[in-house]
N, C-alpha and C. Protein backbone atom coordinates (compact mmCIF):
# COMPACT_ATOMS: atom_id res chain seq x y z
N MET A 1 -14.11 18.24 2.70
CA MET A 1 -14.38 17.07 2.53
C MET A 1 -14.50 16.26 3.41
N LYS A 2 -15.63 16.01 4.16
CA LYS A 2 -15.75 14.87 5.04
C LYS A 2 -15.56 13.49 4.98
N LEU A 3 -14.37 13.03 5.19
CA LEU A 3 -14.04 11.35 5.15
C LEU A 3 -14.94 10.39 5.88
N ILE A 4 -14.76 9.43 5.62
CA ILE A 4 -15.68 8.27 6.45
C ILE A 4 -14.79 7.89 7.92
N LEU A 5 -15.42 8.42 8.97
CA LEU A 5 -14.33 8.18 10.04
C LEU A 5 -15.44 7.39 11.00
N ASP A 6 -17.04 7.80 11.19
CA ASP A 6 -17.80 7.55 12.03
C ASP A 6 -18.22 6.45 11.99
N ARG A 7 -18.76 5.59 12.74
CA ARG A 7 -19.49 4.53 12.69
C ARG A 7 -18.92 3.37 11.88
N MET A 8 -17.72 3.24 11.81
CA MET A 8 -17.56 2.39 10.77
C MET A 8 -17.81 0.95 11.33
N ASP A 9 -18.32 0.46 12.42
CA ASP A 9 -18.62 -1.07 12.99
C ASP A 9 -19.60 -1.32 12.35
N GLU A 10 -20.90 -0.27 12.21
CA GLU A 10 -21.96 -0.27 11.48
C GLU A 10 -21.80 -0.60 9.66
N LEU A 11 -20.94 0.10 9.20
CA LEU A 11 -20.35 0.14 8.01
C LEU A 11 -20.06 -0.74 7.65
N ILE A 12 -18.89 -1.64 8.18
CA ILE A 12 -18.41 -2.89 7.65
C ILE A 12 -19.47 -3.97 7.44
N ALA A 13 -20.56 -3.79 9.10
CA ALA A 13 -21.19 -4.68 8.94
C ALA A 13 -22.14 -4.46 7.70
N SER A 14 -22.47 -3.85 7.56
CA SER A 14 -23.60 -3.33 6.22
C SER A 14 -23.47 -3.42 5.10
N VAL A 15 -22.04 -3.64 5.21
CA VAL A 15 -21.39 -3.58 3.47
C VAL A 15 -21.01 -5.32 3.36
N GLY A 16 -21.02 -5.67 4.24
CA GLY A 16 -20.84 -7.60 4.46
C GLY A 16 -19.30 -7.94 4.67
N TYR A 17 -18.88 -7.05 5.17
CA TYR A 17 -17.15 -7.22 5.52
C TYR A 17 -17.52 -7.98 6.65
N CYS A 18 -16.69 -9.45 6.64
CA CYS A 18 -16.29 -10.04 7.99
C CYS A 18 -14.85 -9.46 8.27
N ALA A 19 -15.22 -9.20 9.74
CA ALA A 19 -14.12 -8.65 10.46
C ALA A 19 -13.39 -10.41 10.69
N GLU A 20 -12.10 -10.22 10.45
CA GLU A 20 -11.29 -11.34 11.30
C GLU A 20 -9.88 -10.84 12.17
N ARG A 21 -10.08 -11.94 12.86
CA ARG A 21 -9.13 -11.75 13.96
C ARG A 21 -7.65 -11.78 13.64
N LYS A 22 -6.87 -11.07 13.22
CA LYS A 22 -5.87 -11.43 12.48
C LYS A 22 -4.42 -10.70 13.27
N TYR A 23 -4.56 -9.59 14.52
CA TYR A 23 -4.15 -9.02 15.68
C TYR A 23 -4.48 -9.71 16.86
N GLU A 24 -3.50 -9.41 17.51
CA GLU A 24 -3.74 -9.90 19.24
C GLU A 24 -4.00 -8.76 20.17
N ASN A 25 -3.53 -7.69 19.62
CA ASN A 25 -4.04 -5.99 19.61
C ASN A 25 -5.29 -5.60 19.18
N GLU A 26 -6.37 -5.34 20.44
CA GLU A 26 -7.38 -5.25 19.77
C GLU A 26 -7.68 -3.80 19.34
N VAL A 27 -6.90 -2.84 19.36
CA VAL A 27 -7.21 -1.41 18.56
C VAL A 27 -6.47 -1.83 16.97
N LEU A 28 -5.27 -2.44 16.94
CA LEU A 28 -4.70 -2.84 15.67
C LEU A 28 -5.95 -3.68 15.09
N ASN A 29 -6.13 -4.38 15.62
CA ASN A 29 -6.90 -5.65 14.62
C ASN A 29 -8.35 -5.03 14.33
N THR A 30 -8.64 -3.78 15.14
CA THR A 30 -9.81 -3.02 14.78
C THR A 30 -10.13 -1.94 13.59
N ILE A 31 -8.62 -1.47 13.58
CA ILE A 31 -8.31 -0.52 12.61
C ILE A 31 -8.03 -1.28 11.46
N TYR A 32 -7.44 -2.45 11.04
CA TYR A 32 -6.97 -3.49 10.19
C TYR A 32 -8.03 -3.41 9.57
N ASN A 33 -9.05 -4.28 10.17
CA ASN A 33 -10.47 -4.54 9.39
C ASN A 33 -11.18 -3.04 9.13
N TYR A 34 -11.35 -1.91 9.24
CA TYR A 34 -11.71 -0.75 9.13
C TYR A 34 -11.26 -0.63 7.93
N CYS A 35 -9.69 -0.78 7.56
CA CYS A 35 -8.87 -0.64 6.61
C CYS A 35 -9.56 -1.37 5.37
N PHE A 36 -9.40 -2.64 5.93
CA PHE A 36 -9.55 -3.30 4.87
C PHE A 36 -10.75 -3.65 4.10
N ALA A 37 -11.70 -3.27 4.98
CA ALA A 37 -13.24 -2.86 4.55
C ALA A 37 -13.23 -2.53 2.98
N PHE A 38 -12.26 -1.10 3.27
CA PHE A 38 -12.29 -0.33 1.96
C PHE A 38 -11.46 -0.84 0.56
N PHE A 39 -10.75 -1.51 1.21
CA PHE A 39 -10.00 -2.19 0.04
C PHE A 39 -11.15 -3.40 -0.36
N THR A 40 -12.06 -4.04 0.32
CA THR A 40 -12.48 -5.29 -0.02
C THR A 40 -14.02 -4.79 -0.54
N LYS A 41 -14.52 -3.99 -0.50
CA LYS A 41 -15.73 -3.93 -0.69
C LYS A 41 -16.26 -1.97 -1.16
N GLU A 42 -15.02 -1.68 -1.33
CA GLU A 42 -14.97 -0.41 -1.75
C GLU A 42 -16.35 -0.02 -2.54
N ALA A 43 -16.87 -0.69 -3.63
CA ALA A 43 -18.21 -0.48 -4.23
C ALA A 43 -19.24 -0.28 -3.49
N GLU A 44 -19.68 -1.59 -2.68
CA GLU A 44 -20.65 -2.13 -1.87
C GLU A 44 -20.63 -0.10 -0.58
N VAL A 45 -19.19 0.01 -0.28
CA VAL A 45 -19.22 1.41 0.40
C VAL A 45 -19.60 2.91 -0.12
N ILE A 46 -19.26 2.86 -1.71
CA ILE A 46 -19.93 4.33 -2.47
C ILE A 46 -21.52 3.96 -2.43
N THR A 47 -22.16 2.46 -2.47
CA THR A 47 -23.47 2.21 -3.12
C THR A 47 -24.76 2.45 -1.46
N LEU A 48 -23.69 2.20 -0.67
CA LEU A 48 -24.24 2.29 0.75
C LEU A 48 -24.54 3.40 1.08
N THR A 49 -23.15 4.61 1.13
CA THR A 49 -22.85 5.58 1.63
C THR A 49 -23.70 6.88 0.94
N GLY A 50 -23.66 6.37 -0.19
CA GLY A 50 -23.84 7.61 -1.57
C GLY A 50 -22.69 8.54 -1.65
N LYS A 51 -21.65 8.04 -0.96
CA LYS A 51 -20.36 9.26 -0.90
C LYS A 51 -19.97 8.83 -3.02
N PRO A 52 -19.12 10.21 -2.81
CA PRO A 52 -18.45 9.95 -4.26
C PRO A 52 -17.21 8.96 -4.24
N LEU A 53 -16.69 8.84 -5.05
CA LEU A 53 -15.29 7.78 -5.20
C LEU A 53 -14.28 8.38 -4.32
N GLU A 54 -14.37 9.68 -4.33
CA GLU A 54 -13.28 10.72 -4.08
C GLU A 54 -13.28 10.47 -2.51
N VAL A 55 -14.20 10.92 -1.85
CA VAL A 55 -14.32 10.66 -0.43
C VAL A 55 -13.77 9.11 0.01
N VAL A 56 -14.52 8.23 -0.58
CA VAL A 56 -14.14 6.92 -0.39
C VAL A 56 -12.57 6.65 -0.22
N LEU A 57 -11.97 7.28 -1.91
CA LEU A 57 -10.58 6.89 -1.67
C LEU A 57 -9.62 7.71 -0.75
N TYR A 58 -10.37 8.67 -0.55
CA TYR A 58 -9.40 9.53 0.93
C TYR A 58 -9.75 8.75 2.13
N SER A 59 -10.45 8.03 2.12
CA SER A 59 -10.84 7.82 3.43
C SER A 59 -10.26 6.13 3.53
N LYS A 60 -10.07 5.70 2.50
CA LYS A 60 -9.59 4.44 2.37
C LYS A 60 -7.98 4.63 2.93
N TYR A 61 -7.38 6.11 2.45
CA TYR A 61 -5.99 6.39 2.39
C TYR A 61 -5.68 6.48 4.18
N TYR A 62 -7.15 7.26 4.59
CA TYR A 62 -7.02 7.52 5.69
C TYR A 62 -6.57 6.58 6.92
N TRP A 63 -7.81 5.36 6.26
CA TRP A 63 -7.54 4.04 7.55
C TRP A 63 -6.61 3.48 7.55
N LEU A 64 -5.75 3.65 5.86
CA LEU A 64 -4.39 2.73 5.35
C LEU A 64 -3.14 3.35 6.53
N MET A 65 -3.37 4.61 6.59
CA MET A 65 -2.63 6.01 7.37
C MET A 65 -2.83 5.36 8.86
N ARG A 66 -3.85 5.13 9.20
CA ARG A 66 -4.36 4.98 10.78
C ARG A 66 -3.64 3.13 11.05
N TYR A 67 -3.72 2.39 9.94
CA TYR A 67 -3.30 0.68 10.18
C TYR A 67 -1.95 1.07 10.16
N VAL A 68 -0.88 1.41 9.24
CA VAL A 68 0.33 1.79 9.26
C VAL A 68 1.21 2.29 10.43
N LYS A 69 0.33 2.92 10.97
CA LYS A 69 0.91 3.79 12.04
C LYS A 69 0.88 2.98 13.16
N LYS A 70 -0.19 2.17 13.54
CA LYS A 70 -0.70 1.58 14.69
C LYS A 70 0.38 0.31 14.55
N TYR A 71 0.27 -0.75 13.41
CA TYR A 71 1.08 -1.74 13.02
C TYR A 71 2.70 -1.57 13.67
N ASN A 72 3.39 -0.13 13.11
CA ASN A 72 4.68 0.16 13.41
C ASN A 72 4.72 0.24 14.83
N GLU A 73 3.40 0.64 15.81
CA GLU A 73 3.65 0.91 17.23
C GLU A 73 3.97 -0.16 17.69
N VAL A 74 3.37 -1.68 17.36
CA VAL A 74 3.21 -2.48 18.38
C VAL A 74 3.85 -3.53 17.79
N ASN A 75 4.17 -3.73 16.24
CA ASN A 75 5.24 -4.50 15.63
C ASN A 75 6.48 -4.10 15.27
N GLY A 76 6.62 -2.47 15.20
CA GLY A 76 8.09 -2.18 14.82
C GLY A 76 7.93 -2.09 13.08
N TYR A 77 8.79 -1.07 13.12
CA TYR A 77 8.81 -0.54 11.20
C TYR A 77 8.97 -1.95 10.32
N ASP A 78 7.92 -1.52 9.48
CA ASP A 78 8.27 -2.56 8.15
C ASP A 78 7.92 -2.05 6.89
N ALA A 79 8.80 -1.99 5.97
CA ALA A 79 8.80 -1.04 4.72
C ALA A 79 7.71 -1.79 3.90
N GLY A 80 7.59 -2.83 3.96
CA GLY A 80 5.86 -3.11 3.04
C GLY A 80 4.74 -2.51 3.50
N MET A 81 4.66 -1.71 4.83
CA MET A 81 3.63 -0.87 4.93
C MET A 81 3.98 0.23 4.28
N GLU A 82 4.89 0.54 4.48
CA GLU A 82 5.18 1.75 3.43
C GLU A 82 4.93 1.76 2.55
N GLN A 83 5.42 0.39 1.82
CA GLN A 83 5.10 0.66 0.15
C GLN A 83 3.65 0.71 -0.51
N GLN A 84 2.91 0.16 0.78
CA GLN A 84 1.34 0.18 0.56
C GLN A 84 0.48 1.48 0.54
N GLN A 85 1.09 2.55 1.13
CA GLN A 85 0.92 3.90 1.08
C GLN A 85 1.15 4.46 0.05
N PHE A 86 2.63 4.08 -0.85
CA PHE A 86 2.87 4.12 -2.14
C PHE A 86 2.02 3.98 -3.14
N LYS A 87 1.58 3.01 -3.15
CA LYS A 87 0.50 2.43 -3.92
C LYS A 87 -0.84 2.56 -4.25
N LEU A 88 -1.28 3.02 -2.57
CA LEU A 88 -2.35 4.04 -2.59
C LEU A 88 -2.59 5.08 -3.35
N ILE A 89 -1.29 5.95 -2.94
CA ILE A 89 -1.20 7.61 -3.83
C ILE A 89 -1.32 7.13 -5.35
N GLU A 90 -0.72 5.99 -5.89
CA GLU A 90 -0.83 5.71 -7.21
C GLU A 90 -2.09 5.76 -7.54
N GLU A 91 -2.59 4.81 -6.36
CA GLU A 91 -4.35 4.71 -7.43
C GLU A 91 -4.98 5.78 -7.53
N LEU A 92 -4.60 6.85 -6.07
CA LEU A 92 -5.22 8.33 -6.37
C LEU A 92 -5.26 8.40 -7.58
N GLU A 93 -4.11 8.82 -7.73
CA GLU A 93 -3.50 9.23 -8.99
C GLU A 93 -4.29 9.16 -10.55
N GLN A 94 -3.95 7.69 -10.37
CA GLN A 94 -4.97 6.88 -11.93
C GLN A 94 -6.25 7.28 -11.69
N ARG A 95 -7.26 7.11 -10.60
CA ARG A 95 -8.63 6.97 -10.64
C ARG A 95 -9.08 8.09 -10.29
N LEU A 96 -8.61 9.33 -9.75
CA LEU A 96 -9.34 10.88 -9.93
C LEU A 96 -8.08 11.72 -10.73
N GLY A 97 -7.22 11.39 -11.16
CA GLY A 97 -6.45 12.39 -11.96
C GLY A 97 -5.65 13.49 -11.09
N ASP A 98 -6.09 13.92 -10.69
CA ASP A 98 -5.38 15.39 -9.62
C ASP A 98 -5.74 14.65 -8.09
N VAL A 99 -4.47 14.63 -7.27
CA VAL A 99 -4.52 14.23 -5.92
C VAL A 99 -4.40 15.53 -5.33
N ASP A 100 -5.35 15.19 -3.79
CA ASP A 100 -5.43 16.79 -3.17
C ASP A 100 -4.28 16.56 -2.18
N TRP A 101 -2.95 17.28 -2.33
CA TRP A 101 -1.85 16.72 -1.77
C TRP A 101 -1.86 17.55 -0.48
N ASP A 102 -2.60 18.40 -0.38
CA ASP A 102 -3.20 19.27 1.17
C ASP A 102 -3.73 18.35 2.27
N LEU A 103 -4.48 17.60 1.33
CA LEU A 103 -5.62 16.71 2.51
C LEU A 103 -4.71 15.44 2.70
N LEU A 104 -3.52 14.84 1.94
CA LEU A 104 -2.99 13.55 2.17
C LEU A 104 -1.78 14.32 3.26
N GLN A 105 -1.75 15.06 3.31
CA GLN A 105 -0.09 16.14 4.37
C GLN A 105 -1.24 15.78 5.72
N ARG A 106 -2.33 16.59 5.66
CA ARG A 106 -3.63 16.98 6.64
C ARG A 106 -3.41 15.67 7.37
N ILE A 107 -3.79 14.80 6.78
CA ILE A 107 -4.04 12.96 7.36
C ILE A 107 -3.11 12.90 7.64
N ASP A 108 -1.71 12.70 7.09
CA ASP A 108 -0.25 12.49 7.48
C ASP A 108 -0.02 12.84 8.72
N ASP A 109 -0.35 14.43 8.43
CA ASP A 109 -0.13 14.84 10.22
C ASP A 109 -0.93 14.58 11.18
N ASP A 110 -2.42 14.13 10.86
CA ASP A 110 -3.10 13.70 12.13
C ASP A 110 -2.40 12.21 12.49
N MET A 111 -1.70 11.72 11.87
CA MET A 111 -1.57 10.32 12.24
C MET A 111 0.16 10.42 12.90
N VAL A 112 0.79 11.52 12.64
CA VAL A 112 2.06 11.88 13.60
C VAL A 112 1.53 12.38 15.11
N LYS A 113 0.37 12.66 15.46
CA LYS A 113 0.00 13.39 16.28
C LYS A 113 -0.31 12.01 17.26
């Protein structure tokens, strides 16, 4: 499965997501906007890219994990961030039925590197 990882600036602009300046750290701020574009413009991402729901949801998980990792690096550990991960996994289970645990593990492992 090919996740949506490239040309994210184009994608978020095309779906009408208005990037915001939430963090001083540029990298954290960029990842935050990529992540929340998937949370707020999911239907638009599906329509624009033609990707199935499964790809969009796993891409959402990928960007959430990147965001959590960078947030923790910049600001220190926040349990609320970890809770977001569990909520998204629950969403995957509810909306997809079967969760690709191997894919989630690979995404998590990439976050550790």
